Structure formats: C-alpha cells, structure tokens
PDB file of N, CA and C in Angstrom:
ATOM      1  N   MET A   1       1.004  -1.076   0.043  1.00  0.00           N
ATOM      2  CA  MET A   1      -0.040   0.074  -0.251  1.00  0.00           C
ATOM      3  C   MET A   1       0.865   1.373   0.088  1.00  0.00           C
ATOM      4  N   GLY A   2       0.599   2.273  -0.386  1.00  0.00           N
ATOM      5  CA  GLY A   2       1.281   3.246  -1.069  1.00  0.00           C
ATOM      6  C   GLY A   2       0.988   4.271   0.199  1.00  0.00           C
ATOM      7  N   LEU A   3       2.195   4.765   0.257  1.00  0.00           N
ATOM      8  CA  LEU A   3       2.246   6.591   1.644  1.00  0.00           C
ATOM      9  C   LEU A   3       0.513   6.291   1.951  1.00  0.00           C
ATOM     10  N   ILE A   4       0.204   7.454   0.591  1.00  0.00           N
ATOM     11  CA  ILE A   4      -0.831   8.187   0.448  1.00  0.00           C
ATOM     12  C   ILE A   4      -2.261   7.466   0.788  1.00  0.00           C
ATOM     13  N   ASN A   5      -2.340   6.122   0.502  1.00  0.00           N
ATOM     14  CA  ASN A   5      -3.062   5.393   0.579  1.00  0.00           C
ATOM     15  C   ASN A   5      -3.311   4.944   2.165  1.00  0.00           C
ATOM     16  N   TRP A   6      -2.075   4.753   2.397  1.00  0.00           N
ATOM     17  CA  TRP A   6      -1.864   4.062   3.799  1.00  0.00           C
ATOM     18  C   TRP A   6      -2.451   5.798   5.103  1.00  0.00           C
ATOM     19  N   ILE A   7      -2.000   7.038   4.563  1.00  0.00           N
ATOM     20  CA  ILE A   7      -2.590   7.992   5.482  1.00  0.00           C
ATOM     21  C   ILE A   7      -3.998   8.013   5.055  1.00  0.00           C
ATOM     22  N   PHE A   8      -4.643   7.972   3.518  1.00  0.00           N
ATOM     23  CA  PHE A   8      -6.182   8.071   3.863  1.00  0.00           C
ATOM     24  C   PHE A   8      -6.873   7.490   4.185  1.00  0.00           C
ATOM     25  N   ASP A   9      -6.031   5.945   4.634  1.00  0.00           N
ATOM     26  CA  ASP A   9      -7.252   4.940   5.558  1.00  0.00           C
ATOM     27  C   ASP A   9      -7.007   4.986   7.279  1.00  0.00           C
ATOM     28  N   ILE A  10      -5.995   5.861   7.989  1.00  0.00           N
ATOM     29  CA  ILE A  10      -5.444   6.249   8.628  1.00  0.00           C
ATOM     30  C   ILE A  10      -6.965   7.709   8.619  1.00  0.00           C
ATOM     31  N   TYR A  11      -7.034   8.355   8.269  1.00  0.00           N
ATOM     32  CA  TYR A  11      -7.843   9.372   8.213  1.00  0.00           C
ATOM     33  C   TYR A  11      -9.349   9.036   8.522  1.00  0.00           C
ATOM     34  N   GLN A  12      -9.739   7.970   7.319  1.00  0.00           N
ATOM     35  CA  GLN A  12     -10.627   7.356   7.114  1.00  0.00           C
ATOM     36  C   GLN A  12     -11.192   6.711   8.636  1.00  0.00           C
ATOM     37  N   HIS A  13     -10.150   5.778   9.049  1.00  0.00           N
ATOM     38  CA  HIS A  13     -10.439   5.373  10.345  1.00  0.00           C
ATOM     39  C   HIS A  13     -10.845   6.267  11.846  1.00  0.00           C
ATOM     40  N   SER A  14     -10.150   7.841  11.796  1.00  0.00           N
ATOM     41  CA  SER A  14      -9.981   8.289  12.580  1.00  0.00           C
ATOM     42  C   SER A  14     -11.462   8.915  12.062  1.00  0.00           C
ATOM     43  N   LYS A  15     -12.165   9.038  11.265  1.00  0.00           N
ATOM     44  CA  LYS A  15     -13.491   9.776  10.996  1.00  0.00           C
ATOM     45  C   LYS A  15     -14.445   8.297  11.045  1.00  0.00           C
ATOM     46  N   ILE A  16     -14.465   7.388  11.392  1.00  0.00           N
ATOM     47  CA  ILE A  16     -15.293   6.334  11.890  1.00  0.00           C
ATOM     48  C   ILE A  16     -15.233   6.378  13.469  1.00  0.00           C
ATOM     49  N   ASP A  17     -14.368   6.304  13.885  1.00  0.00           N
ATOM     50  CA  ASP A  17     -14.708   5.960  14.926  1.00  0.00           C
ATOM     51  C   ASP A  17     -15.217   7.650  15.774  1.00  0.00           C
ATOM     52  N   GLU A  18     -14.705   8.593  15.435  1.00  0.00           N
ATOM     53  CA  GLU A  18     -15.264   9.708  15.571  1.00  0.00           C
ATOM     54  C   GLU A  18     -17.275   9.744  15.369  1.00  0.00           C
ATOM     55  N   ALA A  19     -17.253   9.582  13.849  1.00  0.00           N
ATOM     56  CA  ALA A  19     -18.664   9.282  13.880  1.00  0.00           C
ATOM     57  C   ALA A  19     -19.345   7.697  14.695  1.00  0.00           C
ATOM     58  N   ARG A  20     -18.320   6.619  15.500  1.00  0.00           N
ATOM     59  CA  ARG A  20     -19.699   5.901  16.306  1.00  0.00           C
ATOM     60  C   ARG A  20     -19.792   6.878  18.014  1.00  0.00           C
ATOM     61  N   ARG A  21     -18.050   7.342  18.521  1.00  0.00           N
ATOM     62  CA  ARG A  21     -18.724   8.436  19.471  1.00  0.00           C
ATOM     63  C   ARG A  21     -19.468   8.931  19.320  1.00  0.00           C
ATOM     64  N   GLU A  22     -19.984  10.301  18.189  1.00  0.00           N
ATOM     65  CA  GLU A  22     -20.978  10.972  17.759  1.00  0.00           C
ATOM     66  C   GLU A  22     -22.644  10.389  18.649  1.00  0.00           C
ATOM     67  N   ALA A  23     -21.927   8.445  17.878  1.00  0.00           N
ATOM     68  CA  ALA A  23     -23.647   8.227  17.875  1.00  0.00           C
ATOM     69  C   ALA A  23     -23.760   7.294  19.361  1.00  0.00           C
ATOM     70  N   ALA A  24     -23.131   7.452  20.163  1.00  0.00           N
ATOM     71  CA  ALA A  24     -23.182   6.754  21.319  1.00  0.00           C
ATOM     72  C   ALA A  24     -23.278   8.225  22.501  1.00  0.00           C
ATOM     73  N   GLU A  25     -22.606   8.679  22.543  1.00  0.00           N
ATOM     74  CA  GLU A  25     -23.287  10.506  22.624  1.00  0.00           C
ATOM     75  C   GLU A  25     -24.327  10.517  22.177  1.00  0.00           C
ATOM     76  N   ALA A  26     -24.923  10.684  21.411  1.00  0.00           N
ATOM     77  CA  ALA A  26     -26.882  11.067  20.647  1.00  0.00           C
ATOM     78  C   ALA A  26     -27.861   9.694  21.186  1.00  0.00           C
ATOM     79  N   ARG A  27     -26.634   8.447  21.519  1.00  0.00           N
ATOM     80  CA  ARG A  27     -27.616   7.488  21.613  1.00  0.00           C
ATOM     81  C   ARG A  27     -28.323   8.226  23.551  1.00  0.00           C
ATOM     82  N   ALA A  28     -26.628   8.749  24.192  1.00  0.00           N
ATOM     83  CA  ALA A  28     -26.688   8.711  25.984  1.00  0.00           C
ATOM     84  C   ALA A  28     -27.245   9.897  25.529  1.00  0.00           C
ATOM     85  N   GLN A  29     -27.999  10.183  25.407  1.00  0.00           N
ATOM     86  CA  GLN A  29     -28.440  12.165  25.400  1.00  0.00           C
ATOM     87  C   GLN A  29     -29.931  11.382  25.517  1.00  0.00           C
ATOM     88  N   VAL A  30     -30.373  11.131  24.307  1.00  0.00           N
ATOM     89  CA  VAL A  30     -31.366  10.000  24.601  1.00  0.00           C
ATOM     90  C   VAL A  30     -31.858   9.238  25.355  1.00  0.00           C
ATOM     91  N   SER A  31     -31.633   8.615  26.044  1.00  0.00           N
ATOM     92  CA  SER A  31     -31.889   7.996  26.631  1.00  0.00           C
ATOM     93  C   SER A  31     -31.555   8.399  28.266  1.00  0.00           C
ATOM     94  N   MET A  32     -31.077   9.559  28.122  1.00  0.00           N
ATOM     95  CA  MET A  32     -31.853  10.739  29.225  1.00  0.00           C
ATOM     96  C   MET A  32     -32.501  11.366  29.146  1.00  0.00           C
ATOM     97  N   LEU A  33     -34.067  11.138  28.445  1.00  0.00           N
ATOM     98  CA  LEU A  33     -34.500  11.901  28.265  1.00  0.00           C
ATOM     99  C   LEU A  33     -36.016  10.820  28.866  1.00  0.00           C
ATOM    100  N   HIS A  34     -35.475   9.238  29.049  1.00  0.00           N
ATOM    101  CA  HIS A  34     -36.292   8.712  30.147  1.00  0.00           C
ATOM    102  C   HIS A  34     -36.364   8.339  31.064  1.00  0.00           C
ATOM    103  N   THR A  35     -36.961   8.420  32.024  1.00  0.00           N
ATOM    104  CA  THR A  35     -37.164   7.832  33.513  1.00  0.00           C
ATOM    105  C   THR A  35     -36.356   6.561  33.238  1.00  0.00           C
ATOM    106  N   SER A  36     -36.577   6.027  34.890  1.00  0.00           N
ATOM    107  CA  SER A  36     -36.196   4.767  35.135  1.00  0.00           C
ATOM    108  C   SER A  36     -37.609   3.694  34.264  1.00  0.00           C
ATOM    109  N   GLY A  37     -38.537   4.365  34.389  1.00  0.00           N
ATOM    110  CA  GLY A  37     -39.307   3.497  34.284  1.00  0.00           C
ATOM    111  C   GLY A  37     -39.777   3.358  32.611  1.00  0.00           C
ATOM    112  N   GLY A  38     -38.913   3.721  31.790  1.00  0.00           N
ATOM    113  CA  GLY A  38     -39.130   4.364  30.550  1.00  0.00           C
ATOM    114  C   GLY A  38     -39.938   5.302  30.199  1.00  0.00           C
ATOM    115  N   GLN A  39     -40.444   5.841  31.072  1.00  0.00           N
ATOM    116  CA  GLN A  39     -41.254   7.041  30.412  1.00  0.00           C
ATOM    117  C   GLN A  39     -40.855   8.369  30.330  1.00  0.00           C
ATOM    118  N   VAL A  40     -41.329   9.153  29.467  1.00  0.00           N
ATOM    119  CA  VAL A  40     -39.980  10.439  28.800  1.00  0.00           C
ATOM    120  C   VAL A  40     -40.634  11.429  30.210  1.00  0.00           C
ATOM    121  N   ASP A  41     -39.414  11.933  30.166  1.00  0.00           N
ATOM    122  CA  ASP A  41     -39.144  13.382  31.536  1.00  0.00           C
ATOM    123  C   ASP A  41     -39.008  14.386  30.503  1.00  0.00           C
ATOM    124  N   VAL A  42     -40.057  14.863  30.821  1.00  0.00           N
ATOM    125  CA  VAL A  42     -40.790  16.209  30.441  1.00  0.00           C
ATOM    126  C   VAL A  42     -39.763  17.531  30.904  1.00  0.00           C
ATOM    127  N   ARG A  43     -39.289  16.900  31.973  1.00  0.00           N
ATOM    128  CA  ARG A  43     -38.673  17.903  32.349  1.00  0.00           C
ATOM    129  C   ARG A  43     -37.241  18.294  31.591  1.00  0.00           C
ATOM    130  N   ARG A  44     -36.908  16.880  30.957  1.00  0.00           N
ATOM    131  CA  ARG A  44     -35.211  16.542  30.460  1.00  0.00           C
ATOM    132  C   ARG A  44     -35.051  17.296  29.027  1.00  0.00           C
ATOM    133  N   LEU A  45     -36.842  16.233  28.767  1.00  0.00           N
ATOM    134  CA  LEU A  45     -37.230  16.811  26.990  1.00  0.00           C
ATOM    135  C   LEU A  45     -37.155  18.293  26.733  1.00  0.00           C
ATOM    136  N   GLU A  46     -38.076  19.061  27.396  1.00  0.00           N
ATOM    137  CA  GLU A  46     -38.331  20.005  27.811  1.00  0.00           C
ATOM    138  C   GLU A  46     -36.771  21.429  27.301  1.00  0.00           C
ATOM    139  N   GLN A  47     -35.806  21.229  28.266  1.00  0.00           N
ATOM    140  CA  GLN A  47     -34.533  21.804  28.311  1.00  0.00           C
ATOM    141  C   GLN A  47     -33.649  21.200  27.588  1.00  0.00           C
ATOM    142  N   ALA A  48     -33.669  20.073  27.099  1.00  0.00           N
ATOM    143  CA  ALA A  48     -32.989  19.461  25.453  1.00  0.00           C
ATOM    144  C   ALA A  48     -33.761  20.644  24.391  1.00  0.00           C
ATOM    145  N   ILE A  49     -35.017  20.691  23.816  1.00  0.00           N
ATOM    146  CA  ILE A  49     -35.631  21.506  23.158  1.00  0.00           C
ATOM    147  C   ILE A  49     -35.175  23.185  23.448  1.00  0.00           C
ATOM    148  N   GLY A  50     -34.812  23.310  24.649  1.00  0.00           N
ATOM    149  CA  GLY A  50     -35.317  24.900  25.027  1.00  0.00           C
ATOM    150  C   GLY A  50     -33.024  25.146  24.523  1.00  0.00           C
ATOM    151  N   GLU A  51     -32.266  24.617  25.025  1.00  0.00           N
ATOM    152  CA  GLU A  51     -30.705  24.786  24.167  1.00  0.00           C
ATOM    153  C   GLU A  51     -30.798  24.375  22.468  1.00  0.00           C
ATOM    154  N   LEU A  52     -31.417  23.626  21.899  1.00  0.00           N
ATOM    155  CA  LEU A  52     -31.659  23.268  21.051  1.00  0.00           C
ATOM    156  C   LEU A  52     -32.826  24.483  19.906  1.00  0.00           C
ATOM    157  N   ALA A  53     -33.137  25.021  20.107  1.00  0.00           N
ATOM    158  CA  ALA A  53     -33.423  26.060  20.421  1.00  0.00           C
ATOM    159  C   ALA A  53     -32.531  27.573  20.215  1.00  0.00           C
ATOM    160  N   LEU A  54     -31.334  27.703  21.836  1.00  0.00           N
ATOM    161  CA  LEU A  54     -31.126  29.128  21.830  1.00  0.00           C
ATOM    162  C   LEU A  54     -29.889  28.676  20.846  1.00  0.00           C
ATOM    163  N   SER A  55     -29.810  27.579  20.363  1.00  0.00           N
ATOM    164  CA  SER A  55     -27.964  27.029  19.427  1.00  0.00           C
ATOM    165  C   SER A  55     -28.216  27.306  18.124  1.00  0.00           C
ATOM    166  N   VAL A  56     -30.500  27.557  17.434  1.00  0.00           N
ATOM    167  CA  VAL A  56     -30.765  27.662  15.949  1.00  0.00           C
ATOM    168  C   VAL A  56     -31.121  28.863  16.336  1.00  0.00           C
ATOM    169  N   LYS A  57     -30.676  29.921  17.605  1.00  0.00           N
ATOM    170  CA  LYS A  57     -30.991  31.367  17.518  1.00  0.00           C
ATOM    171  C   LYS A  57     -30.192  31.401  17.103  1.00  0.00           C
ATOM    172  N   THR A  58     -29.014  31.444  17.774  1.00  0.00           N
ATOM    173  CA  THR A  58     -27.783  31.587  17.831  1.00  0.00           C
ATOM    174  C   THR A  58     -27.409  31.789  16.589  1.00  0.00           C
ATOM    175  N   VAL A  59     -27.156  31.007  15.827  1.00  0.00           N
ATOM    176  CA  VAL A  59     -26.629  30.228  14.578  1.00  0.00           C
ATOM    177  C   VAL A  59     -27.445  31.287  13.348  1.00  0.00           C
ATOM    178  N   GLN A  60     -28.646  31.408  13.559  1.00  0.00           N
ATOM    179  CA  GLN A  60     -29.504  32.422  12.467  1.00  0.00           C
ATOM    180  C   GLN A  60     -28.930  33.467  13.172  1.00  0.00           C
ATOM    181  N   ARG A  61     -28.311  33.976  13.997  1.00  0.00           N
ATOM    182  CA  ARG A  61     -28.364  35.897  13.944  1.00  0.00           C
ATOM    183  C   ARG A  61     -26.878  35.961  13.728  1.00  0.00           C
ATOM    184  N   THR A  62     -26.250  35.292  14.398  1.00  0.00           N
ATOM    185  CA  THR A  62     -24.559  34.970  13.317  1.00  0.00           C
ATOM    186  C   THR A  62     -24.898  35.083  12.192  1.00  0.00           C
ATOM    187  N   MET A  63     -25.161  34.785  11.724  1.00  0.00           N
ATOM    188  CA  MET A  63     -25.250  34.378   9.878  1.00  0.00           C
ATOM    189  C   MET A  63     -25.507  36.132   9.372  1.00  0.00           C
ATOM    190  N   VAL A  64     -26.799  36.230   9.836  1.00  0.00           N
ATOM    191  CA  VAL A  64     -27.549  37.952   9.799  1.00  0.00           C
ATOM    192  C   VAL A  64     -26.124  38.802   9.822  1.00  0.00           C
ATOM    193  N   ASP A  65     -26.030  38.807  11.085  1.00  0.00           N
ATOM    194  CA  ASP A  65     -24.861  39.345  11.699  1.00  0.00           C
ATOM    195  C   ASP A  65     -23.806  39.780  10.707  1.00  0.00           C
ATOM    196  N   LYS A  66     -23.190  38.111  10.324  1.00  0.00           N
ATOM    197  CA  LYS A  66     -22.335  38.580   9.385  1.00  0.00           C
ATOM    198  C   LYS A  66     -22.304  38.524   8.160  1.00  0.00           C
ATOM    199  N   GLY A  67     -24.105  38.618   7.505  1.00  0.00           N
ATOM    200  CA  GLY A  67     -24.110  39.709   6.174  1.00  0.00           C
ATOM    201  C   GLY A  67     -24.227  37.407   5.506  1.00  0.00           C
ATOM    202  N   LEU A  68     -24.589  36.931   5.953  1.00  0.00           N
ATOM    203  CA  LEU A  68     -24.670  35.999   5.197  1.00  0.00           C
ATOM    204  C   LEU A  68     -25.421  36.020   5.387  1.00  0.00           C
ATOM    205  N   CYS A  69     -26.616  36.125   5.169  1.00  0.00           N
ATOM    206  CA  CYS A  69     -28.326  36.337   4.301  1.00  0.00           C
ATOM    207  C   CYS A  69     -28.673  37.117   5.670  1.00  0.00           C
ATOM    208  N   THR A  70     -29.638  37.419   5.286  1.00  0.00           N
ATOM    209  CA  THR A  70     -30.885  38.844   5.890  1.00  0.00           C
ATOM    210  C   THR A  70     -32.245  37.678   6.358  1.00  0.00           C
ATOM    211  N   HIS A  71     -32.794  38.236   7.334  1.00  0.00           N
ATOM    212  CA  HIS A  71     -33.933  37.707   8.053  1.00  0.00           C
ATOM    213  C   HIS A  71     -34.567  36.932   7.384  1.00  0.00           C
ATOM    214  N   GLU A  72     -35.119  37.549   6.006  1.00  0.00           N
ATOM    215  CA  GLU A  72     -35.965  37.409   5.017  1.00  0.00           C
ATOM    216  C   GLU A  72     -35.767  36.147   4.182  1.00  0.00           C
ATOM    217  N   GLU A  73     -34.579  36.417   3.932  1.00  0.00           N
ATOM    218  CA  GLU A  73     -33.886  35.132   3.264  1.00  0.00           C
ATOM    219  C   GLU A  73     -33.721  33.356   4.167  1.00  0.00           C
ATOM    220  N   PHE A  74     -33.372  33.907   5.857  1.00  0.00           N
ATOM    221  CA  PHE A  74     -33.043  33.182   6.017  1.00  0.00           C
ATOM    222  C   PHE A  74     -34.738  32.465   6.473  1.00  0.00           C
ATOM    223  N   ALA A  75     -35.661  32.792   6.504  1.00  0.00           N
ATOM    224  CA  ALA A  75     -37.208  33.028   6.153  1.00  0.00           C
ATOM    225  C   ALA A  75     -37.696  32.396   5.309  1.00  0.00           C
ATOM    226  N   THR A  76     -37.150  32.476   4.250  1.00  0.00           N
ATOM    227  CA  THR A  76     -37.219  32.336   2.996  1.00  0.00           C
ATOM    228  C   THR A  76     -36.659  30.506   2.529  1.00  0.00           C
ATOM    229  N   LYS A  77     -35.546  30.535   3.115  1.00  0.00           N
ATOM    230  CA  LYS A  77     -34.871  29.160   3.586  1.00  0.00           C
ATOM    231  C   LYS A  77     -35.588  27.581   4.029  1.00  0.00           C
ATOM    232  N   LEU A  78     -36.096  28.069   5.310  1.00  0.00           N
ATOM    233  CA  LEU A  78     -36.408  27.975   6.007  1.00  0.00           C
ATOM    234  C   LEU A  78     -37.667  27.327   5.913  1.00  0.00           C
ATOM    235  N   GLN A  79     -39.001  27.857   4.348  1.00  0.00           N
ATOM    236  CA  GLN A  79     -40.282  27.701   4.827  1.00  0.00           C
ATOM    237  C   GLN A  79     -39.087  26.434   3.438  1.00  0.00           C
ATOM    238  N   GLN A  80     -38.639  26.520   2.284  1.00  0.00           N
ATOM    239  CA  GLN A  80     -38.140  25.363   1.331  1.00  0.00           C
ATOM    240  C   GLN A  80     -37.739  24.246   1.662  1.00  0.00           C
ATOM    241  N   VAL A  81     -37.248  24.959   2.840  1.00  0.00           N
ATOM    242  CA  VAL A  81     -36.514  23.202   3.697  1.00  0.00           C
ATOM    243  C   VAL A  81     -37.584  22.352   4.669  1.00  0.00           C
ATOM    244  N   ASP A  82     -38.881  23.348   4.995  1.00  0.00           N
ATOM    245  CA  ASP A  82     -39.375  22.911   5.839  1.00  0.00           C
ATOM    246  C   ASP A  82     -40.495  22.204   5.230  1.00  0.00           C
ATOM    247  N   LEU A  83     -40.991  22.744   3.329  1.00  0.00           N
ATOM    248  CA  LEU A  83     -41.129  21.545   2.420  1.00  0.00           C
ATOM    249  C   LEU A  83     -40.910  20.508   1.530  1.00  0.00           C
ATOM    250  N   GLU A  84     -39.765  20.143   1.809  1.00  0.00           N
ATOM    251  CA  GLU A  84     -39.152  19.445   1.981  1.00  0.00           C
ATOM    252  C   GLU A  84     -39.691  18.024   1.831  1.00  0.00           C
ATOM    253  N   ASP A  85     -40.912  17.580   3.196  1.00  0.00           N
ATOM    254  CA  ASP A  85     -40.924  16.403   3.354  1.00  0.00           C
ATOM    255  C   ASP A  85     -42.506  16.293   3.081  1.00  0.00           C
ATOM    256  N   GLY A  86     -42.984  17.910   2.382  1.00  0.00           N
ATOM    257  CA  GLY A  86     -44.437  17.383   1.270  1.00  0.00           C
ATOM    258  C   GLY A  86     -44.899  18.191   2.536  1.00  0.00           C
ATOM    259  N   ARG A  87     -45.077  18.704   3.320  1.00  0.00           N
ATOM    260  CA  ARG A  87     -46.008  19.453   4.049  1.00  0.00           C
ATOM    261  C   ARG A  87     -45.468  21.101   4.831  1.00  0.00           C
ATOM    262  N   ALA A  88     -45.427  21.517   4.832  1.00  0.00           N
ATOM    263  CA  ALA A  88     -45.808  23.125   5.820  1.00  0.00           C
ATOM    264  C   ALA A  88     -46.149  23.084   6.882  1.00  0.00           C
ATOM    265  N   ASP A  89     -45.499  22.922   8.214  1.00  0.00           N
ATOM    266  CA  ASP A  89     -45.934  22.287   9.011  1.00  0.00           C
ATOM    267  C   ASP A  89     -45.137  23.042  10.148  1.00  0.00           C
ATOM    268  N   GLY A  90     -43.638  23.313   9.794  1.00  0.00           N
ATOM    269  CA  GLY A  90     -42.966  24.167  10.391  1.00  0.00           C
ATOM    270  C   GLY A  90     -42.518  23.146  11.235  1.00  0.00           C
ATOM    271  N   ARG A  91     -42.242  22.163  11.326  1.00  0.00           N
ATOM    272  CA  ARG A  91     -41.813  21.074  11.664  1.00  0.00           C
ATOM    273  C   ARG A  91     -40.411  19.986  10.428  1.00  0.00           C
ATOM    274  N   SER A  92     -39.762  19.612  11.170  1.00  0.00           N
ATOM    275  CA  SER A  92     -38.975  18.476  10.986  1.00  0.00           C
ATOM    276  C   SER A  92     -38.825  16.898  11.366  1.00  0.00           C
ATOM    277  N   PRO A  93     -38.800  16.276  10.112  1.00  0.00           N
ATOM    278  CA  PRO A  93     -38.766  14.789  10.878  1.00  0.00           C
ATOM    279  C   PRO A  93     -37.598  14.566  11.641  1.00  0.00           C
ATOM    280  N   VAL A  94     -38.068  13.999  12.501  1.00  0.00           N
ATOM    281  CA  VAL A  94     -37.274  13.070  13.588  1.00  0.00           C
ATOM    282  C   VAL A  94     -36.237  12.440  13.255  1.00  0.00           C
TER     283      VAL A  94
END
C-alpha cells in the first residue's frame, strides 16, 4: 500500500471512530430523556428542546450579523426546507 493510501486509511478510520463516538453520545443523551420506568422525562425533554432552540437562534443571528443572509432570506430558506417532507407544518421529521 502506498503512503498516500495509508494516510487516507488512517484518516478514514479516525472519521469512523469519531462518528461512532458521536452516535454513542447521541444515544446516551436520548436515554437521559427517559425515566427509569421508560417514561419520557418532560423536564429533561423541555431542557433539551430549549438548548436546541437557543443554538438555532444563535446560528441564525450570527449568519445575519455576519451578512451571510438577511432575516427574509433565512425565512425563505426555512420555508423551503419545511416543504422538503411534503408538508408546510413548521417541523422537520426526527
């Protein structure tokens, strides 16, 4: 195996390991949303949704502040993405 192929192989394995770690972390976070009885912990779910909303607002404002897009362009793109599942319902499939 040539040096370039060897380097690429190491890179690919590092990306696979990274994806595995991220998947395990996501599974752990989802499991934290449930009580020991298997019910959804509403408080934790609301906290997770709040954190996600804060992140999205931060990204949106950063994009507008840096001049990457306007509020109107963001809203237009949001509507386009919303329609990708065939429904204008203000949601994305999970």
